[in-house]
Amino acid sequence: MSKMKEIDSIAQGVADYMKELLYDTVEWQIADQPVKGDDYNELHSYIMDKAIEKMAMELPEFRRLNIGDYK
């Protein structure tokens, strides 16, 4: 396996783990919200998407491109 493939594999493993951790964290953070069923799933998905967006906006290449509403 080439070095870049190995690094990409490690990065994928980290991304997979972070997605699981984010999922659980969002679940914990919205536990007290008065939503059920589809509304709960929609809220959970929305918060996950926004959290990922906010993390991405902290990356230099996103700031440089001025993508989204990063301030």
C-alpha atoms as a PDB file:
ATOM      1  CA  MET A   1       0.000   0.000   0.000  1.00  0.00           C
ATOM      2  CA  SER A   2       1.384   3.391  -0.935  1.00  0.00           C
ATOM      3  CA  LYS A   3       1.989   5.969   1.762  1.00  0.00           C
ATOM      4  CA  MET A   4      -0.864   8.210   0.521  1.00  0.00           C
ATOM      5  CA  LYS A   5      -3.311   5.301   0.495  1.00  0.00           C
ATOM      6  CA  GLU A   6      -2.256   4.439   4.028  1.00  0.00           C
ATOM      7  CA  ILE A   7      -2.738   8.046   5.140  1.00  0.00           C
ATOM      8  CA  ASP A   8      -6.134   8.209   3.388  1.00  0.00           C
ATOM      9  CA  SER A   9      -7.154   4.988   5.127  1.00  0.00           C
ATOM     10  CA  ILE A  10      -6.194   6.441   8.505  1.00  0.00           C
ATOM     11  CA  ALA A  11      -8.094   9.646   7.716  1.00  0.00           C
ATOM     12  CA  GLN A  12     -11.161   7.615   6.745  1.00  0.00           C
ATOM     13  CA  GLY A  13     -11.009   5.707  10.013  1.00  0.00           C
ATOM     14  CA  VAL A  14     -10.799   8.965  11.959  1.00  0.00           C
ATOM     15  CA  ALA A  15     -13.710  10.418   9.946  1.00  0.00           C
ATOM     16  CA  ASP A  16     -15.846   7.330  10.596  1.00  0.00           C
ATOM     17  CA  TYR A  17     -15.118   7.489  14.316  1.00  0.00           C
ATOM     18  CA  MET A  18     -15.797  11.233  14.480  1.00  0.00           C
ATOM     19  CA  LYS A  19     -19.128  10.788  12.694  1.00  0.00           C
ATOM     20  CA  GLU A  20     -20.208   8.231  15.306  1.00  0.00           C
ATOM     21  CA  LEU A  21     -19.022  10.492  18.105  1.00  0.00           C
ATOM     22  CA  LEU A  22     -20.828  13.483  16.604  1.00  0.00           C
ATOM     23  CA  TYR A  23     -24.019  11.440  16.204  1.00  0.00           C
ATOM     24  CA  ASP A  24     -23.962  10.433  19.864  1.00  0.00           C
ATOM     25  CA  THR A  25     -23.089  13.953  21.007  1.00  0.00           C
ATOM     26  CA  VAL A  26     -25.968  15.497  19.066  1.00  0.00           C
ATOM     27  CA  GLU A  27     -28.291  12.846  20.485  1.00  0.00           C
ATOM     28  CA  TRP A  28     -27.176  13.783  23.985  1.00  0.00           C
ATOM     29  CA  GLN A  29     -27.412  17.532  23.337  1.00  0.00           C
ATOM     30  CA  ILE A  30     -31.002  17.412  22.026  1.00  0.00           C
ATOM     31  CA  ALA A  31     -32.329  14.883  24.536  1.00  0.00           C
ATOM     32  CA  ASP A  32     -34.385  17.573  26.283  1.00  0.00           C
ATOM     33  CA  GLN A  33     -35.924  18.977  23.108  1.00  0.00           C
ATOM     34  CA  PRO A  34     -39.699  18.450  22.818  1.00  0.00           C
ATOM     35  CA  VAL A  35     -39.556  16.593  19.486  1.00  0.00           C
ATOM     36  CA  LYS A  36     -40.360  13.009  18.515  1.00  0.00           C
ATOM     37  CA  GLY A  37     -40.232  10.777  15.465  1.00  0.00           C
ATOM     38  CA  ASP A  38     -39.573  12.468  12.141  1.00  0.00           C
ATOM     39  CA  ASP A  39     -39.186  15.880  13.791  1.00  0.00           C
ATOM     40  CA  TYR A  40     -36.475  14.454  16.058  1.00  0.00           C
ATOM     41  CA  ASN A  41     -34.672  12.887  13.095  1.00  0.00           C
ATOM     42  CA  GLU A  42     -34.889  16.142  11.143  1.00  0.00           C
ATOM     43  CA  LEU A  43     -33.515  18.149  14.073  1.00  0.00           C
ATOM     44  CA  HIS A  44     -30.732  15.620  14.636  1.00  0.00           C
ATOM     45  CA  SER A  45     -29.721  15.688  10.965  1.00  0.00           C
ATOM     46  CA  TYR A  46     -29.859  19.471  10.823  1.00  0.00           C
ATOM     47  CA  ILE A  47     -27.621  19.882  13.864  1.00  0.00           C
ATOM     48  CA  MET A  48     -25.137  17.298  12.572  1.00  0.00           C
ATOM     49  CA  ASP A  49     -24.965  19.107   9.221  1.00  0.00           C
ATOM     50  CA  LYS A  50     -24.508  22.508  10.886  1.00  0.00           C
ATOM     51  CA  ALA A  51     -21.823  21.193  13.239  1.00  0.00           C
ATOM     52  CA  ILE A  52     -19.886  19.696  10.317  1.00  0.00           C
ATOM     53  CA  GLU A  53     -20.298  22.929   8.361  1.00  0.00           C
ATOM     54  CA  LYS A  54     -18.986  24.964  11.288  1.00  0.00           C
ATOM     55  CA  MET A  55     -15.957  22.686  11.632  1.00  0.00           C
ATOM     56  CA  ALA A  56     -15.281  22.872   7.890  1.00  0.00           C
ATOM     57  CA  MET A  57     -15.465  26.658   7.976  1.00  0.00           C
ATOM     58  CA  GLU A  58     -12.552  26.645  10.411  1.00  0.00           C
ATOM     59  CA  LEU A  59     -10.311  25.066   7.774  1.00  0.00           C
ATOM     60  CA  PRO A  60      -8.054  27.596   6.033  1.00  0.00           C
ATOM     61  CA  GLU A  61      -9.100  26.570   2.508  1.00  0.00           C
ATOM     62  CA  PHE A  62     -12.773  27.217   3.293  1.00  0.00           C
ATOM     63  CA  ARG A  63     -12.028  30.616   4.823  1.00  0.00           C
ATOM     64  CA  ARG A  64      -9.908  31.511   1.818  1.00  0.00           C
ATOM     65  CA  LEU A  65     -12.715  30.594  -0.577  1.00  0.00           C
ATOM     66  CA  ASN A  66     -15.230  32.477   1.582  1.00  0.00           C
ATOM     67  CA  ILE A  67     -17.719  29.593   1.381  1.00  0.00           C
ATOM     68  CA  GLY A  68     -20.846  29.761   3.501  1.00  0.00           C
ATOM     69  CA  ASP A  69     -21.570  32.267   6.236  1.00  0.00           C
ATOM     70  CA  TYR A  70     -18.282  31.911   8.122  1.00  0.00           C
ATOM     71  CA  LYS A  71     -17.400  34.968  10.137  1.00  0.00           C
END
